[in-house]
PDB file of N, CA and C in Angstrom:
ATOM      1  N   MET A   1     -14.754 -13.137  13.492  1.00  0.00           N
ATOM      2  CA  MET A   1     -13.605 -12.598  14.193  1.00  0.00           C
ATOM      3  C   MET A   1     -12.836 -11.685  13.237  1.00  0.00           C
ATOM      4  N   GLN A   2     -12.532 -10.486  13.689  1.00  0.00           N
ATOM      5  CA  GLN A   2     -11.793  -9.541  12.860  1.00  0.00           C
ATOM      6  C   GLN A   2     -10.291  -9.824  12.940  1.00  0.00           C
ATOM      7  N   THR A   3      -9.623  -9.580  11.822  1.00  0.00           N
ATOM      8  CA  THR A   3      -8.203  -9.882  11.719  1.00  0.00           C
ATOM      9  C   THR A   3      -7.381  -8.607  11.683  1.00  0.00           C
ATOM     10  N   ILE A   4      -6.334  -8.585  12.506  1.00  0.00           N
ATOM     11  CA  ILE A   4      -5.376  -7.483  12.534  1.00  0.00           C
ATOM     12  C   ILE A   4      -4.027  -8.017  12.095  1.00  0.00           C
ATOM     13  N   LEU A   5      -3.398  -7.301  11.182  1.00  0.00           N
ATOM     14  CA  LEU A   5      -2.027  -7.595  10.787  1.00  0.00           C
ATOM     15  C   LEU A   5      -1.116  -6.650  11.554  1.00  0.00           C
ATOM     16  N   LEU A   6      -0.237  -7.199  12.359  1.00  0.00           N
ATOM     17  CA  LEU A   6       0.719  -6.432  13.151  1.00  0.00           C
ATOM     18  C   LEU A   6       2.077  -6.524  12.469  1.00  0.00           C
ATOM     19  N   VAL A   7       2.569  -5.398  11.964  1.00  0.00           N
ATOM     20  CA  VAL A   7       3.867  -5.346  11.302  1.00  0.00           C
ATOM     21  C   VAL A   7       4.837  -4.688  12.283  1.00  0.00           C
ATOM     22  N   GLU A   8       5.671  -5.516  12.895  1.00  0.00           N
ATOM     23  CA  GLU A   8       6.546  -5.084  13.997  1.00  0.00           C
ATOM     24  C   GLU A   8       7.803  -5.936  13.985  1.00  0.00           C
ATOM     25  N   ASP A   9       8.978  -5.302  13.962  1.00  0.00           N
ATOM     26  CA  ASP A   9      10.218  -6.074  13.899  1.00  0.00           C
ATOM     27  C   ASP A   9      10.740  -6.496  15.270  1.00  0.00           C
ATOM     28  N   ASN A  10      10.308  -5.837  16.331  1.00  0.00           N
ATOM     29  CA  ASN A  10      10.779  -6.188  17.669  1.00  0.00           C
ATOM     30  C   ASN A  10       9.971  -7.386  18.186  1.00  0.00           C
ATOM     31  N   GLU A  11      10.660  -8.507  18.375  1.00  0.00           N
ATOM     32  CA  GLU A  11       9.977  -9.751  18.745  1.00  0.00           C
ATOM     33  C   GLU A  11       9.190  -9.618  20.047  1.00  0.00           C
ATOM     34  N   MET A  12       9.763  -8.961  21.046  1.00  0.00           N
ATOM     35  CA  MET A  12       9.072  -8.812  22.324  1.00  0.00           C
ATOM     36  C   MET A  12       7.804  -7.974  22.162  1.00  0.00           C
ATOM     37  N   ASN A  13       7.887  -6.864  21.447  1.00  0.00           N
ATOM     38  CA  ASN A  13       6.705  -6.027  21.206  1.00  0.00           C
ATOM     39  C   ASN A  13       5.655  -6.779  20.398  1.00  0.00           C
ATOM     40  N   ARG A  14       6.110  -7.501  19.374  1.00  0.00           N
ATOM     41  CA  ARG A  14       5.194  -8.258  18.516  1.00  0.00           C
ATOM     42  C   ARG A  14       4.451  -9.321  19.314  1.00  0.00           C
ATOM     43  N   ASP A  15       5.192 -10.069  20.132  1.00  0.00           N
ATOM     44  CA  ASP A  15       4.593 -11.134  20.934  1.00  0.00           C
ATOM     45  C   ASP A  15       3.616 -10.580  21.964  1.00  0.00           C
ATOM     46  N   MET A  16       4.044  -9.540  22.672  1.00  0.00           N
ATOM     47  CA  MET A  16       3.200  -8.954  23.727  1.00  0.00           C
ATOM     48  C   MET A  16       1.905  -8.393  23.153  1.00  0.00           C
ATOM     49  N   LEU A  17       2.012  -7.607  22.103  1.00  0.00           N
ATOM     50  CA  LEU A  17       0.815  -6.975  21.546  1.00  0.00           C
ATOM     51  C   LEU A  17      -0.091  -7.996  20.867  1.00  0.00           C
ATOM     52  N   SER A  18       0.476  -8.973  20.185  1.00  0.00           N
ATOM     53  CA  SER A  18      -0.376  -9.977  19.545  1.00  0.00           C
ATOM     54  C   SER A  18      -1.147 -10.788  20.584  1.00  0.00           C
ATOM     55  N   ARG A  19      -0.510 -11.118  21.706  1.00  0.00           N
ATOM     56  CA  ARG A  19      -1.225 -11.840  22.768  1.00  0.00           C
ATOM     57  C   ARG A  19      -2.334 -10.983  23.366  1.00  0.00           C
ATOM     58  N   ARG A  20      -2.048  -9.719  23.607  1.00  0.00           N
ATOM     59  CA  ARG A  20      -3.059  -8.836  24.199  1.00  0.00           C
ATOM     60  C   ARG A  20      -4.253  -8.641  23.261  1.00  0.00           C
ATOM     61  N   LEU A  21      -3.981  -8.478  21.972  1.00  0.00           N
ATOM     62  CA  LEU A  21      -5.067  -8.316  21.001  1.00  0.00           C
ATOM     63  C   LEU A  21      -5.860  -9.611  20.831  1.00  0.00           C
ATOM     64  N   SER A  22      -5.177 -10.742  20.871  1.00  0.00           N
ATOM     65  CA  SER A  22      -5.869 -12.038  20.784  1.00  0.00           C
ATOM     66  C   SER A  22      -6.823 -12.211  21.954  1.00  0.00           C
ATOM     67  N   ARG A  23      -6.392 -11.819  23.132  1.00  0.00           N
ATOM     68  CA  ARG A  23      -7.268 -11.918  24.318  1.00  0.00           C
ATOM     69  C   ARG A  23      -8.478 -11.004  24.205  1.00  0.00           C
ATOM     70  N   LYS A  24      -8.381  -9.962  23.372  1.00  0.00           N
ATOM     71  CA  LYS A  24      -9.514  -9.057  23.153  1.00  0.00           C
ATOM     72  C   LYS A  24     -10.415  -9.530  22.017  1.00  0.00           C
ATOM     73  N   GLY A  25     -10.112 -10.715  21.467  1.00  0.00           N
ATOM     74  CA  GLY A  25     -11.005 -11.311  20.479  1.00  0.00           C
ATOM     75  C   GLY A  25     -10.600 -11.134  19.030  1.00  0.00           C
ATOM     76  N   PHE A  26      -9.413 -10.617  18.769  1.00  0.00           N
ATOM     77  CA  PHE A  26      -8.945 -10.451  17.389  1.00  0.00           C
ATOM     78  C   PHE A  26      -8.098 -11.643  16.959  1.00  0.00           C
ATOM     79  N   ARG A  27      -8.170 -11.957  15.689  1.00  0.00           N
ATOM     80  CA  ARG A  27      -7.208 -12.877  15.071  1.00  0.00           C
ATOM     81  C   ARG A  27      -6.035 -11.994  14.665  1.00  0.00           C
ATOM     82  N   VAL A  28      -4.823 -12.373  15.056  1.00  0.00           N
ATOM     83  CA  VAL A  28      -3.658 -11.536  14.800  1.00  0.00           C
ATOM     84  C   VAL A  28      -2.663 -12.266  13.902  1.00  0.00           C
ATOM     85  N   LEU A  29      -2.318 -11.617  12.801  1.00  0.00           N
ATOM     86  CA  LEU A  29      -1.253 -12.063  11.906  1.00  0.00           C
ATOM     87  C   LEU A  29      -0.053 -11.166  12.180  1.00  0.00           C
ATOM     88  N   THR A  30       1.157 -11.688  12.026  1.00  0.00           N
ATOM     89  CA  THR A  30       2.327 -10.863  12.284  1.00  0.00           C
ATOM     90  C   THR A  30       3.302 -10.916  11.113  1.00  0.00           C
ATOM     91  N   ALA A  31       3.981  -9.790  10.925  1.00  0.00           N
ATOM     92  CA  ALA A  31       5.048  -9.666   9.942  1.00  0.00           C
ATOM     93  C   ALA A  31       6.192  -8.916  10.605  1.00  0.00           C
ATOM     94  N   GLU A  32       7.423  -9.248  10.187  1.00  0.00           N
ATOM     95  CA  GLU A  32       8.608  -8.665  10.811  1.00  0.00           C
ATOM     96  C   GLU A  32       9.203  -7.503  10.033  1.00  0.00           C
ATOM     97  N   ASP A  33       8.752  -7.266   8.797  1.00  0.00           N
ATOM     98  CA  ASP A  33       9.263  -6.143   8.015  1.00  0.00           C
ATOM     99  C   ASP A  33       8.182  -5.665   7.056  1.00  0.00           C
ATOM    100  N   GLY A  34       8.425  -4.511   6.442  1.00  0.00           N
ATOM    101  CA  GLY A  34       7.418  -3.914   5.576  1.00  0.00           C
ATOM    102  C   GLY A  34       7.062  -4.753   4.366  1.00  0.00           C
ATOM    103  N   LYS A  35       8.046  -5.388   3.759  1.00  0.00           N
ATOM    104  CA  LYS A  35       7.786  -6.234   2.583  1.00  0.00           C
ATOM    105  C   LYS A  35       6.911  -7.427   2.956  1.00  0.00           C
ATOM    106  N   GLU A  36       7.245  -8.083   4.058  1.00  0.00           N
ATOM    107  CA  GLU A  36       6.434  -9.206   4.521  1.00  0.00           C
ATOM    108  C   GLU A  36       5.022  -8.732   4.871  1.00  0.00           C
ATOM    109  N   GLY A  37       4.908  -7.528   5.436  1.00  0.00           N
ATOM    110  CA  GLY A  37       3.595  -6.969   5.763  1.00  0.00           C
ATOM    111  C   GLY A  37       2.741  -6.767   4.518  1.00  0.00           C
ATOM    112  N   ILE A  38       3.351  -6.246   3.457  1.00  0.00           N
ATOM    113  CA  ILE A  38       2.628  -6.062   2.198  1.00  0.00           C
ATOM    114  C   ILE A  38       2.172  -7.414   1.647  1.00  0.00           C
ATOM    115  N   ASP A  39       3.074  -8.366   1.635  1.00  0.00           N
ATOM    116  CA  ASP A  39       2.736  -9.695   1.111  1.00  0.00           C
ATOM    117  C   ASP A  39       1.578 -10.320   1.890  1.00  0.00           C
ATOM    118  N   LEU A  40       1.637 -10.255   3.216  1.00  0.00           N
ATOM    119  CA  LEU A  40       0.561 -10.829   4.040  1.00  0.00           C
ATOM    120  C   LEU A  40      -0.754 -10.082   3.838  1.00  0.00           C
ATOM    121  N   ALA A  41      -0.697  -8.766   3.732  1.00  0.00           N
ATOM    122  CA  ALA A  41      -1.915  -7.984   3.511  1.00  0.00           C
ATOM    123  C   ALA A  41      -2.578  -8.382   2.196  1.00  0.00           C
ATOM    124  N   GLN A  42      -1.780  -8.590   1.162  1.00  0.00           N
ATOM    125  CA  GLN A  42      -2.337  -8.982  -0.136  1.00  0.00           C
ATOM    126  C   GLN A  42      -2.913 -10.399  -0.100  1.00  0.00           C
ATOM    127  N   GLN A  43      -2.288 -11.287   0.658  1.00  0.00           N
ATOM    128  CA  GLN A  43      -2.745 -12.667   0.734  1.00  0.00           C
ATOM    129  C   GLN A  43      -3.938 -12.843   1.664  1.00  0.00           C
ATOM    130  N   GLN A  44      -3.925 -12.167   2.805  1.00  0.00           N
ATOM    131  CA  GLN A  44      -4.902 -12.422   3.866  1.00  0.00           C
ATOM    132  C   GLN A  44      -6.018 -11.376   3.975  1.00  0.00           C
ATOM    133  N   HIS A  45      -5.842 -10.208   3.405  1.00  0.00           N
ATOM    134  CA  HIS A  45      -6.839  -9.129   3.472  1.00  0.00           C
ATOM    135  C   HIS A  45      -7.348  -8.888   4.898  1.00  0.00           C
ATOM    136  N   PRO A  46      -6.449  -8.473   5.801  1.00  0.00           N
ATOM    137  CA  PRO A  46      -6.874  -8.230   7.187  1.00  0.00           C
ATOM    138  C   PRO A  46      -7.862  -7.065   7.255  1.00  0.00           C
ATOM    139  N   ASP A  47      -8.559  -6.985   8.359  1.00  0.00           N
ATOM    140  CA  ASP A  47      -9.510  -5.893   8.566  1.00  0.00           C
ATOM    141  C   ASP A  47      -8.800  -4.594   8.924  1.00  0.00           C
ATOM    142  N   LEU A  48      -7.590  -4.700   9.477  1.00  0.00           N
ATOM    143  CA  LEU A  48      -6.840  -3.528   9.933  1.00  0.00           C
ATOM    144  C   LEU A  48      -5.365  -3.905  10.000  1.00  0.00           C
ATOM    145  N   ILE A  49      -4.496  -2.904   9.809  1.00  0.00           N
ATOM    146  CA  ILE A  49      -3.055  -3.108   9.917  1.00  0.00           C
ATOM    147  C   ILE A  49      -2.486  -2.165  10.964  1.00  0.00           C
ATOM    148  N   LEU A  50      -1.679  -2.704  11.870  1.00  0.00           N
ATOM    149  CA  LEU A  50      -0.879  -1.902  12.792  1.00  0.00           C
ATOM    150  C   LEU A  50       0.534  -1.915  12.236  1.00  0.00           C
ATOM    151  N   MET A  51       1.063  -0.740  11.896  1.00  0.00           N
ATOM    152  CA  MET A  51       2.318  -0.641  11.172  1.00  0.00           C
ATOM    153  C   MET A  51       3.365   0.137  11.975  1.00  0.00           C
ATOM    154  N   ASP A  52       4.457  -0.544  12.312  1.00  0.00           N
ATOM    155  CA  ASP A  52       5.612   0.146  12.879  1.00  0.00           C
ATOM    156  C   ASP A  52       6.267   0.937  11.747  1.00  0.00           C
ATOM    157  N   LEU A  53       7.013   1.985  12.071  1.00  0.00           N
ATOM    158  CA  LEU A  53       7.686   2.766  11.039  1.00  0.00           C
ATOM    159  C   LEU A  53       9.124   2.323  10.810  1.00  0.00           C
ATOM    160  N   SER A  54       9.837   2.012  11.879  1.00  0.00           N
ATOM    161  CA  SER A  54      11.243   1.605  11.762  1.00  0.00           C
ATOM    162  C   SER A  54      11.325   0.095  11.574  1.00  0.00           C
ATOM    163  N   LEU A  55      11.353  -0.305  10.318  1.00  0.00           N
ATOM    164  CA  LEU A  55      11.352  -1.727   9.979  1.00  0.00           C
ATOM    165  C   LEU A  55      12.515  -2.043   9.050  1.00  0.00           C
ATOM    166  N   PRO A  56      13.020  -3.269   9.113  1.00  0.00           N
ATOM    167  CA  PRO A  56      14.040  -3.678   8.144  1.00  0.00           C
ATOM    168  C   PRO A  56      13.406  -3.968   6.784  1.00  0.00           C
ATOM    169  N   VAL A  57      14.225  -4.130   5.785  1.00  0.00           N
ATOM    170  CA  VAL A  57      13.856  -4.454   4.402  1.00  0.00           C
ATOM    171  C   VAL A  57      13.104  -3.296   3.751  1.00  0.00           C
ATOM    172  N   MET A  58      11.958  -2.920   4.304  1.00  0.00           N
ATOM    173  CA  MET A  58      11.185  -1.774   3.825  1.00  0.00           C
ATOM    174  C   MET A  58      10.553  -1.110   5.036  1.00  0.00           C
ATOM    175  N   ASP A  59      10.752   0.218   5.193  1.00  0.00           N
ATOM    176  CA  ASP A  59      10.208   0.887   6.379  1.00  0.00           C
ATOM    177  C   ASP A  59       8.690   1.028   6.291  1.00  0.00           C
ATOM    178  N   GLY A  60       8.098   1.382   7.410  1.00  0.00           N
ATOM    179  CA  GLY A  60       6.650   1.481   7.495  1.00  0.00           C
ATOM    180  C   GLY A  60       6.048   2.584   6.651  1.00  0.00           C
ATOM    181  N   TRP A  61       6.799   3.668   6.439  1.00  0.00           N
ATOM    182  CA  TRP A  61       6.291   4.740   5.576  1.00  0.00           C
ATOM    183  C   TRP A  61       6.097   4.220   4.157  1.00  0.00           C
ATOM    184  N   GLU A  62       7.121   3.547   3.614  1.00  0.00           N
ATOM    185  CA  GLU A  62       7.041   3.032   2.246  1.00  0.00           C
ATOM    186  C   GLU A  62       6.009   1.907   2.136  1.00  0.00           C
ATOM    187  N   ALA A  63       5.964   1.027   3.120  1.00  0.00           N
ATOM    188  CA  ALA A  63       4.974  -0.052   3.100  1.00  0.00           C
ATOM    189  C   ALA A  63       3.557   0.519   3.104  1.00  0.00           C
ATOM    190  N   THR A  64       3.327   1.549   3.913  1.00  0.00           N
ATOM    191  CA  THR A  64       2.005   2.186   3.957  1.00  0.00           C
ATOM    192  C   THR A  64       1.676   2.815   2.611  1.00  0.00           C
ATOM    193  N   ARG A  65       2.627   3.548   2.030  1.00  0.00           N
ATOM    194  CA  ARG A  65       2.392   4.154   0.707  1.00  0.00           C
ATOM    195  C   ARG A  65       2.010   3.087  -0.317  1.00  0.00           C
ATOM    196  N   GLN A  66       2.756   1.995  -0.335  1.00  0.00           N
ATOM    197  CA  GLN A  66       2.472   0.951  -1.321  1.00  0.00           C
ATOM    198  C   GLN A  66       1.109   0.303  -1.086  1.00  0.00           C
ATOM    199  N   LEU A  67       0.784   0.013   0.170  1.00  0.00           N
ATOM    200  CA  LEU A  67      -0.515  -0.594   0.474  1.00  0.00           C
ATOM    201  C   LEU A  67      -1.670   0.322   0.065  1.00  0.00           C
ATOM    202  N   LYS A  68      -1.508   1.615   0.289  1.00  0.00           N
ATOM    203  CA  LYS A  68      -2.572   2.567  -0.046  1.00  0.00           C
ATOM    204  C   LYS A  68      -2.671   2.826  -1.548  1.00  0.00           C
ATOM    205  N   ASN A  69      -1.668   2.407  -2.308  1.00  0.00           N
ATOM    206  CA  ASN A  69      -1.699   2.567  -3.762  1.00  0.00           C
ATOM    207  C   ASN A  69      -2.122   1.301  -4.494  1.00  0.00           C
ATOM    208  N   MET A  70      -2.362   0.222  -3.763  1.00  0.00           N
ATOM    209  CA  MET A  70      -2.789  -1.035  -4.386  1.00  0.00           C
ATOM    210  C   MET A  70      -4.303  -1.177  -4.269  1.00  0.00           C
ATOM    211  N   GLU A  71      -4.915  -1.542  -5.377  1.00  0.00           N
ATOM    212  CA  GLU A  71      -6.375  -1.644  -5.417  1.00  0.00           C
ATOM    213  C   GLU A  71      -6.927  -2.590  -4.356  1.00  0.00           C
ATOM    214  N   ASP A  72      -6.265  -3.735  -4.145  1.00  0.00           N
ATOM    215  CA  ASP A  72      -6.810  -4.737  -3.227  1.00  0.00           C
ATOM    216  C   ASP A  72      -6.519  -4.454  -1.751  1.00  0.00           C
ATOM    217  N   THR A  73      -5.682  -3.469  -1.444  1.00  0.00           N
ATOM    218  CA  THR A  73      -5.367  -3.181  -0.036  1.00  0.00           C
ATOM    219  C   THR A  73      -5.627  -1.732   0.374  1.00  0.00           C
ATOM    220  N   LYS A  74      -5.962  -0.868  -0.550  1.00  0.00           N
ATOM    221  CA  LYS A  74      -6.041   0.564  -0.230  1.00  0.00           C
ATOM    222  C   LYS A  74      -7.140   0.923   0.772  1.00  0.00           C
ATOM    223  N   ARG A  75      -8.138   0.083   0.919  1.00  0.00           N
ATOM    224  CA  ARG A  75      -9.232   0.384   1.853  1.00  0.00           C
ATOM    225  C   ARG A  75      -9.001  -0.181   3.259  1.00  0.00           C
ATOM    226  N   ILE A  76      -7.918  -0.919   3.447  1.00  0.00           N
ATOM    227  CA  ILE A  76      -7.613  -1.470   4.774  1.00  0.00           C
ATOM    228  C   ILE A  76      -7.088  -0.334   5.654  1.00  0.00           C
ATOM    229  N   PRO A  77      -7.735  -0.071   6.793  1.00  0.00           N
ATOM    230  CA  PRO A  77      -7.222   0.983   7.669  1.00  0.00           C
ATOM    231  C   PRO A  77      -5.837   0.614   8.210  1.00  0.00           C
ATOM    232  N   ILE A  78      -4.961   1.612   8.237  1.00  0.00           N
ATOM    233  CA  ILE A  78      -3.618   1.422   8.767  1.00  0.00           C
ATOM    234  C   ILE A  78      -3.406   2.395   9.919  1.00  0.00           C
ATOM    235  N   ILE A  79      -3.091   1.831  11.072  1.00  0.00           N
ATOM    236  CA  ILE A  79      -2.724   2.647  12.226  1.00  0.00           C
ATOM    237  C   ILE A  79      -1.226   2.491  12.430  1.00  0.00           C
ATOM    238  N   VAL A  80      -0.515   3.605  12.332  1.00  0.00           N
ATOM    239  CA  VAL A  80       0.918   3.582  12.599  1.00  0.00           C
ATOM    240  C   VAL A  80       1.095   3.480  14.100  1.00  0.00           C
ATOM    241  N   LEU A  81       1.964   2.583  14.500  1.00  0.00           N
ATOM    242  CA  LEU A  81       2.255   2.347  15.916  1.00  0.00           C
ATOM    243  C   LEU A  81       3.763   2.415  16.064  1.00  0.00           C
ATOM    244  N   THR A  82       4.255   3.507  16.666  1.00  0.00           N
ATOM    245  CA  THR A  82       5.691   3.738  16.618  1.00  0.00           C
ATOM    246  C   THR A  82       6.233   4.458  17.838  1.00  0.00           C
ATOM    247  N   ALA A  83       7.510   4.293  18.053  1.00  0.00           N
ATOM    248  CA  ALA A  83       8.215   5.050  19.094  1.00  0.00           C
ATOM    249  C   ALA A  83       8.574   6.437  18.582  1.00  0.00           C
ATOM    250  N   HIS A  84       8.403   6.691  17.280  1.00  0.00           N
ATOM    251  CA  HIS A  84       8.654   8.013  16.702  1.00  0.00           C
ATOM    252  C   HIS A  84       7.538   8.953  17.140  1.00  0.00           C
ATOM    253  N   ALA A  85       7.811   9.783  18.105  1.00  0.00           N
ATOM    254  CA  ALA A  85       6.767  10.643  18.659  1.00  0.00           C
ATOM    255  C   ALA A  85       6.906  12.097  18.215  1.00  0.00           C
ATOM    256  N   MET A  86       7.791  12.359  17.283  1.00  0.00           N
ATOM    257  CA  MET A  86       7.988  13.724  16.796  1.00  0.00           C
ATOM    258  C   MET A  86       6.820  14.128  15.901  1.00  0.00           C
ATOM    259  N   ALA A  87       6.440  15.406  15.962  1.00  0.00           N
ATOM    260  CA  ALA A  87       5.326  15.896  15.145  1.00  0.00           C
ATOM    261  C   ALA A  87       5.583  15.645  13.662  1.00  0.00           C
ATOM    262  N   GLY A  88       6.803  15.783  13.215  1.00  0.00           N
ATOM    263  CA  GLY A  88       7.123  15.548  11.819  1.00  0.00           C
ATOM    264  C   GLY A  88       6.884  14.110  11.408  1.00  0.00           C
ATOM    265  N   ASP A  89       7.162  13.171  12.313  1.00  0.00           N
ATOM    266  CA  ASP A  89       6.926  11.759  12.011  1.00  0.00           C
ATOM    267  C   ASP A  89       5.437  11.485  11.840  1.00  0.00           C
ATOM    268  N   GLU A  90       4.636  12.079  12.688  1.00  0.00           N
ATOM    269  CA  GLU A  90       3.189  11.887  12.585  1.00  0.00           C
ATOM    270  C   GLU A  90       2.673  12.468  11.270  1.00  0.00           C
ATOM    271  N   LYS A  91       3.120  13.667  10.922  1.00  0.00           N
ATOM    272  CA  LYS A  91       2.687  14.280   9.661  1.00  0.00           C
ATOM    273  C   LYS A  91       3.116  13.438   8.467  1.00  0.00           C
ATOM    274  N   GLU A  92       4.335  12.927   8.496  1.00  0.00           N
ATOM    275  CA  GLU A  92       4.830  12.091   7.405  1.00  0.00           C
ATOM    276  C   GLU A  92       4.026  10.795   7.297  1.00  0.00           C
ATOM    277  N   ALA A  93       3.652  10.228   8.439  1.00  0.00           N
ATOM    278  CA  ALA A  93       2.845   9.006   8.423  1.00  0.00           C
ATOM    279  C   ALA A  93       1.482   9.266   7.777  1.00  0.00           C
ATOM    280  N   TYR A  94       0.857  10.410   8.097  1.00  0.00           N
ATOM    281  CA  TYR A  94      -0.419  10.742   7.466  1.00  0.00           C
ATOM    282  C   TYR A  94      -0.232  11.000   5.971  1.00  0.00           C
ATOM    283  N   ARG A  95       0.867  11.653   5.600  1.00  0.00           N
ATOM    284  CA  ARG A  95       1.139  11.874   4.169  1.00  0.00           C
ATOM    285  C   ARG A  95       1.328  10.551   3.437  1.00  0.00           C
ATOM    286  N   ALA A  96       1.886   9.565   4.113  1.00  0.00           N
ATOM    287  CA  ALA A  96       2.084   8.247   3.503  1.00  0.00           C
ATOM    288  C   ALA A  96       0.759   7.509   3.317  1.00  0.00           C
ATOM    289  N   GLY A  97      -0.291   7.943   4.050  1.00  0.00           N
ATOM    290  CA  GLY A  97      -1.607   7.347   3.867  1.00  0.00           C
ATOM    291  C   GLY A  97      -2.193   6.645   5.069  1.00  0.00           C
ATOM    292  N   CYS A  98      -1.513   6.727   6.225  1.00  0.00           N
ATOM    293  CA  CYS A  98      -2.080   6.038   7.394  1.00  0.00           C
ATOM    294  C   CYS A  98      -3.404   6.676   7.793  1.00  0.00           C
ATOM    295  N   ASP A  99      -4.224   5.899   8.462  1.00  0.00           N
ATOM    296  CA  ASP A  99      -5.539   6.363   8.899  1.00  0.00           C
ATOM    297  C   ASP A  99      -5.516   6.901  10.315  1.00  0.00           C
ATOM    298  N   ASP A 100      -4.545   6.464  11.106  1.00  0.00           N
ATOM    299  CA  ASP A 100      -4.395   6.960  12.480  1.00  0.00           C
ATOM    300  C   ASP A 100      -2.963   6.714  12.921  1.00  0.00           C
ATOM    301  N   PHE A 101      -2.610   7.263  14.065  1.00  0.00           N
ATOM    302  CA  PHE A 101      -1.231   7.265  14.540  1.00  0.00           C
ATOM    303  C   PHE A 101      -1.263   7.065  16.044  1.00  0.00           C
ATOM    304  N   ASP A 102      -0.440   6.171  16.549  1.00  0.00           N
ATOM    305  CA  ASP A 102      -0.335   5.977  17.990  1.00  0.00           C
ATOM    306  C   ASP A 102       1.124   5.713  18.330  1.00  0.00           C
ATOM    307  N   THR A 103       1.479   5.990  19.566  1.00  0.00           N
ATOM    308  CA  THR A 103       2.870   5.891  19.978  1.00  0.00           C
ATOM    309  C   THR A 103       3.086   4.734  20.948  1.00  0.00           C
ATOM    310  N   LYS A 104       4.340   4.309  21.003  1.00  0.00           N
ATOM    311  CA  LYS A 104       4.787   3.317  21.975  1.00  0.00           C
ATOM    312  C   LYS A 104       5.410   4.076  23.134  1.00  0.00           C
ATOM    313  N   PRO A 105       5.398   3.549  24.320  1.00  0.00           N
ATOM    314  CA  PRO A 105       4.825   2.253  24.660  1.00  0.00           C
ATOM    315  C   PRO A 105       3.305   2.251  24.486  1.00  0.00           C
ATOM    316  N   VAL A 106       2.793   1.082  24.184  1.00  0.00           N
ATOM    317  CA  VAL A 106       1.376   0.930  23.865  1.00  0.00           C
ATOM    318  C   VAL A 106       0.512   1.140  25.096  1.00  0.00           C
ATOM    319  N   ASP A 107      -0.465   2.027  24.952  1.00  0.00           N
ATOM    320  CA  ASP A 107      -1.547   2.169  25.924  1.00  0.00           C
ATOM    321  C   ASP A 107      -2.705   1.384  25.311  1.00  0.00           C
ATOM    322  N   LEU A 108      -2.944   0.171  25.798  1.00  0.00           N
ATOM    323  CA  LEU A 108      -3.883  -0.737  25.146  1.00  0.00           C
ATOM    324  C   LEU A 108      -5.286  -0.147  25.038  1.00  0.00           C
ATOM    325  N   ASP A 109      -5.776   0.500  26.070  1.00  0.00           N
ATOM    326  CA  ASP A 109      -7.123   1.075  26.002  1.00  0.00           C
ATOM    327  C   ASP A 109      -7.216   2.139  24.905  1.00  0.00           C
ATOM    328  N   ARG A 110      -6.204   3.001  24.827  1.00  0.00           N
ATOM    329  CA  ARG A 110      -6.205   4.049  23.800  1.00  0.00           C
ATOM    330  C   ARG A 110      -6.126   3.415  22.405  1.00  0.00           C
ATOM    331  N   LEU A 111      -5.239   2.422  22.255  1.00  0.00           N
ATOM    332  CA  LEU A 111      -5.093   1.756  20.970  1.00  0.00           C
ATOM    333  C   LEU A 111      -6.376   1.029  20.571  1.00  0.00           C
ATOM    334  N   LEU A 112      -7.003   0.344  21.515  1.00  0.00           N
ATOM    335  CA  LEU A 112      -8.264  -0.347  21.211  1.00  0.00           C
ATOM    336  C   LEU A 112      -9.335   0.640  20.755  1.00  0.00           C
ATOM    337  N   GLY A 113      -9.366   1.816  21.356  1.00  0.00           N
ATOM    338  CA  GLY A 113     -10.304   2.846  20.921  1.00  0.00           C
ATOM    339  C   GLY A 113     -10.065   3.239  19.471  1.00  0.00           C
ATOM    340  N   LYS A 114      -8.805   3.389  19.099  1.00  0.00           N
ATOM    341  CA  LYS A 114      -8.467   3.736  17.724  1.00  0.00           C
ATOM    342  C   LYS A 114      -8.774   2.592  16.768  1.00  0.00           C
ATOM    343  N   ILE A 115      -8.515   1.375  17.201  1.00  0.00           N
ATOM    344  CA  ILE A 115      -8.825   0.202  16.380  1.00  0.00           C
ATOM    345  C   ILE A 115     -10.325   0.122  16.120  1.00  0.00           C
ATOM    346  N   HIS A 116     -11.122   0.240  17.176  1.00  0.00           N
ATOM    347  CA  HIS A 116     -12.575   0.145  17.020  1.00  0.00           C
ATOM    348  C   HIS A 116     -13.118   1.288  16.151  1.00  0.00           C
ATOM    349  N   ALA A 117     -12.566   2.490  16.332  1.00  0.00           N
ATOM    350  CA  ALA A 117     -12.998   3.622  15.498  1.00  0.00           C
ATOM    351  C   ALA A 117     -12.685   3.363  14.020  1.00  0.00           C
ATOM    352  N   ALA A 118     -11.498   2.840  13.728  1.00  0.00           N
ATOM    353  CA  ALA A 118     -11.108   2.563  12.347  1.00  0.00           C
ATOM    354  C   ALA A 118     -11.954   1.448  11.732  1.00  0.00           C
ATOM    355  N   LEU A 119     -12.293   0.468  12.534  1.00  0.00           N
ATOM    356  CA  LEU A 119     -13.065  -0.674  12.023  1.00  0.00           C
ATOM    357  C   LEU A 119     -14.535  -0.345  11.806  1.00  0.00           C
ATOM    358  N   THR A 120     -15.023   0.710  12.417  1.00  0.00           N
ATOM    359  CA  THR A 120     -16.442   1.049  12.282  1.00  0.00           C
ATOM    360  C   THR A 120     -16.690   2.223  11.335  1.00  0.00           C
ATOM    361  N   LYS A 121     -15.661   2.686  10.650  1.00  0.00           N
ATOM    362  CA  LYS A 121     -15.845   3.790   9.682  1.00  0.00           C
ATOM    363  C   LYS A 121     -16.598   3.314   8.476  1.00  0.00           C
TER     364      LYS A 121
END
């Protein structure tokens, strides 16, 4: 079973998406802020990370940069999942090191396509 780390501060979004991904056969770990996401990624080595950008403690841009600069986590694909739909936000997310970008509200079929593509690279 492949493991996804969902870094999302909104409890309703976190709960809804983790349940939907679990029903699709993924083991889902959750973190509420960027620092907790980094800690869990280092401890659990998930197969993929879904990273919100607007997070408390440490935002998703900084968490992504740090994860991509650490030897033990730099190869984990990171898909930014955010309500930030501005072109500049997407470019900044790629500059931070994300592997893909998707917007909220979540279109599960589109997101699953991106997840499967990232996991099979």
